[in-house]
C-alpha atoms as a PDB file:
ATOM      1  CA  MET A   1      12.007 -21.512 -27.741  1.00  0.00           C
ATOM      2  CA  ASN A   2       8.895 -23.663 -28.036  1.00  0.00           C
ATOM      3  CA  LYS A   3       5.879 -23.164 -25.840  1.00  0.00           C
ATOM      4  CA  ASN A   4       5.676 -25.458 -22.772  1.00  0.00           C
ATOM      5  CA  ASN A   5       9.283 -26.618 -23.143  1.00  0.00           C
ATOM      6  CA  ASP A   6      11.676 -26.028 -20.314  1.00  0.00           C
ATOM      7  CA  PRO A   7      15.093 -25.172 -21.729  1.00  0.00           C
ATOM      8  CA  ARG A   8      16.765 -26.561 -18.594  1.00  0.00           C
ATOM      9  CA  ALA A   9      15.047 -29.968 -18.850  1.00  0.00           C
ATOM     10  CA  LEU A  10      17.172 -33.009 -19.566  1.00  0.00           C
ATOM     11  CA  PRO A  11      16.553 -34.843 -22.830  1.00  0.00           C
ATOM     12  CA  THR A  12      14.304 -37.868 -22.325  1.00  0.00           C
ATOM     13  CA  ASN A  13      14.533 -41.298 -23.817  1.00  0.00           C
ATOM     14  CA  PRO A  14      11.472 -42.979 -25.424  1.00  0.00           C
ATOM     15  CA  ALA A  15      10.643 -45.035 -22.316  1.00  0.00           C
ATOM     16  CA  GLN A  16      10.546 -41.940 -20.110  1.00  0.00           C
ATOM     17  CA  LYS A  17       8.456 -40.112 -22.672  1.00  0.00           C
ATOM     18  CA  ALA A  18       5.953 -43.004 -22.876  1.00  0.00           C
ATOM     19  CA  ARG A  19       5.741 -43.155 -19.077  1.00  0.00           C
ATOM     20  CA  ALA A  20       5.134 -39.400 -18.869  1.00  0.00           C
ATOM     21  CA  GLU A  21       2.366 -39.698 -21.471  1.00  0.00           C
ATOM     22  CA  ARG A  22       0.707 -42.559 -19.551  1.00  0.00           C
ATOM     23  CA  ILE A  23       0.823 -40.520 -16.352  1.00  0.00           C
ATOM     24  CA  ALA A  24      -0.648 -37.518 -18.165  1.00  0.00           C
ATOM     25  CA  GLN A  25      -3.467 -39.690 -19.538  1.00  0.00           C
ATOM     26  CA  ARG A  26      -4.219 -41.071 -16.063  1.00  0.00           C
ATOM     27  CA  ARG A  27      -4.324 -37.580 -14.614  1.00  0.00           C
ATOM     28  CA  ALA A  28      -6.615 -36.378 -17.396  1.00  0.00           C
ATOM     29  CA  ALA A  29      -8.924 -39.347 -16.832  1.00  0.00           C
ATOM     30  CA  ALA A  30      -8.978 -38.677 -13.095  1.00  0.00           C
ATOM     31  CA  LYS A  31      -9.871 -35.036 -13.745  1.00  0.00           C
ATOM     32  CA  ALA A  32     -12.658 -36.069 -16.098  1.00  0.00           C
ATOM     33  CA  THR A  33     -14.395 -38.073 -13.388  1.00  0.00           C
ATOM     34  CA  SER A  34     -16.648 -36.273 -10.987  1.00  0.00           C
ATOM     35  CA  PRO A  35     -14.778 -34.562  -8.160  1.00  0.00           C
ATOM     36  CA  ALA A  36     -17.614 -35.457  -5.833  1.00  0.00           C
ATOM     37  CA  ARG A  37     -17.963 -39.159  -6.537  1.00  0.00           C
ATOM     38  CA  THR A  38     -19.044 -41.198  -3.579  1.00  0.00           C
ATOM     39  CA  SER A  39     -16.299 -43.398  -2.312  1.00  0.00           C
ATOM     40  CA  ARG A  40     -16.439 -46.165   0.242  1.00  0.00           C
ATOM     41  CA  MET A  41     -14.340 -44.067   2.615  1.00  0.00           C
ATOM     42  CA  TYR A  42     -16.844 -41.203   2.417  1.00  0.00           C
ATOM     43  CA  TRP A  43     -19.703 -43.483   3.441  1.00  0.00           C
ATOM     44  CA  ILE A  44     -17.642 -45.027   6.250  1.00  0.00           C
ATOM     45  CA  ARG A  45     -16.902 -41.565   7.635  1.00  0.00           C
ATOM     46  CA  ALA A  46     -20.529 -40.501   7.267  1.00  0.00           C
ATOM     47  CA  ALA A  47     -21.688 -43.647   9.096  1.00  0.00           C
ATOM     48  CA  ILE A  48     -19.214 -43.086  11.937  1.00  0.00           C
ATOM     49  CA  VAL A  49     -20.308 -39.463  12.324  1.00  0.00           C
ATOM     50  CA  ALA A  50     -23.959 -40.543  12.244  1.00  0.00           C
ATOM     51  CA  MET A  51     -23.354 -43.202  14.911  1.00  0.00           C
ATOM     52  CA  ILE A  52     -21.541 -40.753  17.185  1.00  0.00           C
ATOM     53  CA  ALA A  53     -24.236 -38.098  16.761  1.00  0.00           C
ATOM     54  CA  GLY A  54     -26.971 -40.695  17.326  1.00  0.00           C
ATOM     55  CA  LEU A  55     -25.247 -41.922  20.491  1.00  0.00           C
ATOM     56  CA  LEU A  56     -24.925 -38.373  21.789  1.00  0.00           C
ATOM     57  CA  ALA A  57     -28.587 -37.669  21.087  1.00  0.00           C
ATOM     58  CA  PHE A  58     -29.537 -40.978  22.715  1.00  0.00           C
ATOM     59  CA  SER A  59     -27.447 -40.110  25.775  1.00  0.00           C
ATOM     60  CA  MET A  60     -29.041 -36.679  26.143  1.00  0.00           C
ATOM     61  CA  GLN A  61     -32.525 -38.176  26.166  1.00  0.00           C
ATOM     62  CA  TRP A  62     -31.598 -41.159  28.349  1.00  0.00           C
ATOM     63  CA  PRO A  63     -34.185 -40.940  31.185  1.00  0.00           C
ATOM     64  CA  ARG A  64     -37.079 -41.259  28.732  1.00  0.00           C
ATOM     65  CA  MET A  65     -36.214 -44.645  27.293  1.00  0.00           C
ATOM     66  CA  PRO A  66     -38.416 -45.233  24.248  1.00  0.00           C
ATOM     67  CA  MET A  67     -38.137 -41.605  23.200  1.00  0.00           C
ATOM     68  CA  SER A  68     -34.333 -41.606  23.549  1.00  0.00           C
ATOM     69  CA  LEU A  69     -34.055 -44.524  21.145  1.00  0.00           C
ATOM     70  CA  TYR A  70     -36.201 -42.747  18.553  1.00  0.00           C
ATOM     71  CA  VAL A  71     -34.246 -39.512  18.923  1.00  0.00           C
ATOM     72  CA  GLY A  72     -30.894 -41.301  18.494  1.00  0.00           C
ATOM     73  CA  LEU A  73     -32.049 -43.194  15.423  1.00  0.00           C
ATOM     74  CA  GLY A  74     -33.637 -40.057  13.981  1.00  0.00           C
ATOM     75  CA  VAL A  75     -30.456 -38.014  14.370  1.00  0.00           C
ATOM     76  CA  ALA A  76     -28.353 -40.780  12.815  1.00  0.00           C
ATOM     77  CA  ALA A  77     -30.761 -41.083   9.881  1.00  0.00           C
ATOM     78  CA  PHE A  78     -30.822 -37.304   9.451  1.00  0.00           C
ATOM     79  CA  ILE A  79     -27.028 -37.162   9.253  1.00  0.00           C
ATOM     80  CA  LEU A  80     -26.888 -39.957   6.670  1.00  0.00           C
ATOM     81  CA  VAL A  81     -29.552 -38.284   4.533  1.00  0.00           C
ATOM     82  CA  ALA A  82     -27.750 -34.933   4.836  1.00  0.00           C
ATOM     83  CA  ALA A  83     -24.474 -36.586   3.761  1.00  0.00           C
ATOM     84  CA  PHE A  84     -26.207 -38.133   0.752  1.00  0.00           C
ATOM     85  CA  LEU A  85     -27.835 -34.849  -0.268  1.00  0.00           C
ATOM     86  CA  LEU A  86     -24.597 -32.937   0.197  1.00  0.00           C
ATOM     87  CA  ARG A  87     -22.704 -35.374  -2.016  1.00  0.00           C
ATOM     88  CA  ALA A  88     -25.468 -35.367  -4.629  1.00  0.00           C
ATOM     89  CA  GLY A  89     -25.492 -31.565  -4.684  1.00  0.00           C
ATOM     90  CA  LEU A  90     -21.716 -31.397  -5.059  1.00  0.00           C
ATOM     91  CA  SER A  91     -21.822 -33.891  -7.885  1.00  0.00           C
ATOM     92  CA  ARG A  92     -24.535 -31.920  -9.672  1.00  0.00           C
ATOM     93  CA  ALA A  93     -22.653 -28.660  -9.200  1.00  0.00           C
ATOM     94  CA  GLY A  94     -19.486 -30.265 -10.566  1.00  0.00           C
ATOM     95  CA  ALA A  95     -21.342 -31.627 -13.587  1.00  0.00           C
ATOM     96  CA  ALA A  96     -22.886 -28.219 -14.261  1.00  0.00           C
ATOM     97  CA  ALA A  97     -19.484 -26.531 -13.986  1.00  0.00           C
ATOM     98  CA  ARG A  98     -17.922 -29.032 -16.403  1.00  0.00           C
ATOM     99  CA  GLU A  99     -20.815 -28.507 -18.819  1.00  0.00           C
ATOM    100  CA  ARG A 100     -20.373 -24.720 -18.668  1.00  0.00           C
ATOM    101  CA  ALA A 101     -16.633 -25.067 -19.222  1.00  0.00           C
ATOM    102  CA  ALA A 102     -17.196 -27.374 -22.192  1.00  0.00           C
ATOM    103  CA  SER A 103     -19.693 -24.971 -23.758  1.00  0.00           C
ATOM    104  CA  ARG A 104     -17.204 -22.087 -23.511  1.00  0.00           C
ATOM    105  CA  ARG A 105     -14.590 -23.929 -25.577  1.00  0.00           C
END
């Protein structure tokens, strides 16, 4: 029995084999990209969380009007910067891990 062959698998025709190879190539290409790439959805979620946190901070400081505005904006900015740094750190860690894995081969 050959390695990586399932003896119970049905024989495939050339079209199925080509499709399976294309899918395998797509999956390999997706793995090769950074696992921590910044997507539009990530930034939308980060912005929503920052707005909610800024609104909560603004609401807590409400009686002191100019200060409450600054606190709300500061918290929102802090959350966005933290999201950026978190994503940058994950991307760097992923790149370092891929580099270590490549050097072991």
